[in-house]
Protein backbone atom coordinates (compact mmCIF):
# COMPACT_ATOMS: atom_id res chain seq x y z
CA MET A 1 129.51 70.36 -52.45
CA SER A 2 132.59 68.46 -50.66
CA GLN A 3 133.90 71.29 -48.96
CA ASN A 4 130.66 72.18 -46.71
CA LYS A 5 129.89 68.61 -46.06
CA ILE A 6 133.87 69.38 -44.72
CA LEU A 7 132.71 71.84 -42.49
CA SER A 8 129.07 70.08 -41.42
CA LEU A 9 130.69 66.97 -39.67
CA ILE A 10 133.54 69.52 -38.00
CA GLY A 11 130.50 71.50 -37.07
CA LEU A 12 129.12 68.14 -35.41
CA ALA A 13 132.11 66.76 -34.19
CA THR A 14 132.45 70.48 -31.46
CA LYS A 15 129.39 70.28 -30.77
CA ALA A 16 129.29 66.74 -29.75
CA GLY A 17 132.37 67.52 -27.81
CA LYS A 18 135.12 64.95 -30.00
CA THR A 19 137.15 68.28 -31.23
CA ALA A 20 139.96 70.28 -29.24
CA SER A 21 141.12 73.17 -31.12
CA GLY A 22 143.68 76.05 -30.79
CA GLU A 23 147.27 74.89 -30.71
CA PHE A 24 148.41 73.96 -27.39
CA CYS A 25 145.07 72.12 -27.51
CA THR A 26 145.65 69.92 -30.50
CA GLU A 27 149.24 69.35 -29.87
CA LYS A 28 147.82 67.81 -26.51
CA GLU A 29 145.74 65.68 -27.98
CA VAL A 30 148.11 64.60 -30.88
CA LYS A 31 150.47 63.79 -27.86
CA SER A 32 148.21 62.07 -25.24
CA GLY A 33 147.24 59.64 -28.92
CA ARG A 34 143.63 60.60 -28.50
CA ALA A 35 143.84 62.19 -31.92
CA ALA A 36 142.73 60.70 -34.97
CA LEU A 37 143.14 63.59 -37.89
CA VAL A 38 144.25 66.85 -37.51
CA ILE A 39 143.39 70.09 -39.47
CA VAL A 40 145.23 72.96 -40.02
CA ALA A 41 143.85 75.98 -41.93
CA GLY A 42 146.13 77.36 -44.86
CA ASP A 43 146.48 80.26 -43.83
CA ALA A 44 148.91 79.35 -40.57
CA SER A 45 151.79 80.47 -40.04
CA ASP A 46 155.02 78.42 -41.84
CA ASN A 47 156.26 77.66 -38.33
CA THR A 48 152.89 76.11 -36.83
CA LYS A 49 152.53 74.11 -40.82
CA LYS A 50 155.65 72.47 -40.21
CA LYS A 51 155.31 71.82 -36.41
CA PHE A 52 152.19 69.99 -36.72
CA GLN A 53 153.52 68.37 -40.30
CA ASN A 54 156.13 66.93 -37.75
CA MET A 55 155.08 66.42 -34.73
CA CYS A 56 151.50 64.07 -37.10
CA ASP A 57 154.79 62.23 -38.70
CA PHE A 58 156.08 61.24 -35.29
CA TYR A 59 153.26 60.13 -34.03
CA GLU A 60 151.35 58.56 -37.05
CA VAL A 61 148.29 60.92 -37.11
CA PRO A 62 146.76 62.11 -39.81
CA ILE A 63 146.82 65.32 -40.90
CA TYR A 64 144.76 67.63 -43.61
CA PHE A 65 145.65 71.32 -44.99
CA TYR A 66 142.32 72.88 -45.46
CA LYS A 67 140.95 76.66 -45.75
CA ASP A 68 141.83 79.06 -43.42
CA LYS A 69 141.59 80.06 -39.96
CA ASP A 70 138.34 81.86 -40.50
CA THR A 71 136.28 79.45 -42.23
CA LEU A 72 137.73 76.66 -39.39
CA GLY A 73 136.74 78.97 -36.05
CA HIS A 74 133.70 79.32 -38.12
CA ALA A 75 132.83 75.34 -38.96
CA MET A 76 133.26 75.07 -34.94
CA GLY A 77 131.39 78.36 -33.64
CA LYS A 78 134.56 79.81 -32.78
CA GLU A 79 136.57 82.84 -33.22
CA PHE A 80 139.04 81.74 -35.51
CA ARG A 81 141.71 78.35 -35.38
CA ALA A 82 144.44 77.89 -36.80
CA SER A 83 144.68 74.21 -35.66
CA LEU A 84 141.79 71.66 -34.89
CA ALA A 85 141.67 67.48 -33.79
CA VAL A 86 138.63 65.14 -34.67
CA LEU A 87 138.85 62.54 -31.30
CA ASP A 88 136.17 60.86 -32.77
CA GLU A 89 137.21 57.57 -35.45
CA GLY A 90 134.26 57.52 -36.87
CA PHE A 91 133.42 61.52 -37.55
CA ALA A 92 137.88 61.74 -39.15
CA LYS A 93 136.74 59.09 -41.51
CA GLY A 94 133.96 60.76 -43.01
CA ILE A 95 136.26 63.89 -43.07
CA ARG A 96 139.12 62.17 -44.32
CA LYS A 97 136.51 60.35 -46.90
CA HIS A 98 135.81 63.80 -47.98
CA MET A 99 139.22 65.67 -47.52
CA ASP A 100 140.11 63.34 -50.73
CA THR A 101 137.55 63.16 -52.78
CA GLU A 102 138.18 67.20 -52.88
CA ASP A 103 141.60 66.53 -53.49
CA ASN A 104 143.50 68.27 -50.44
CA THR A 105 147.21 68.24 -48.92
CA ILE A 106 147.39 65.43 -47.41
CA ALA A 107 150.54 64.56 -45.26
């Protein structure tokens, strides 16, 4: 149940223009300080995971590893997405609440 809520919130945030997806855009938003939350696909490469983990630690942005590229992309109405940044604090809070109850990997 919770995972459908997470994917729905990602979809809503995308429709509201409050997400940035893809490696380059996600990285840009984290470094500019606009990212409230970063989600990386669980099947992303180890290099990608490590890169975002280190970046989010440095910029103090919460990061979650969730589902797979196909599922994340589908939730956003796009192709595969290995990473996305949620730019709105409200959406980020809602997604984190459901992520925490589902007990996903958090850093």
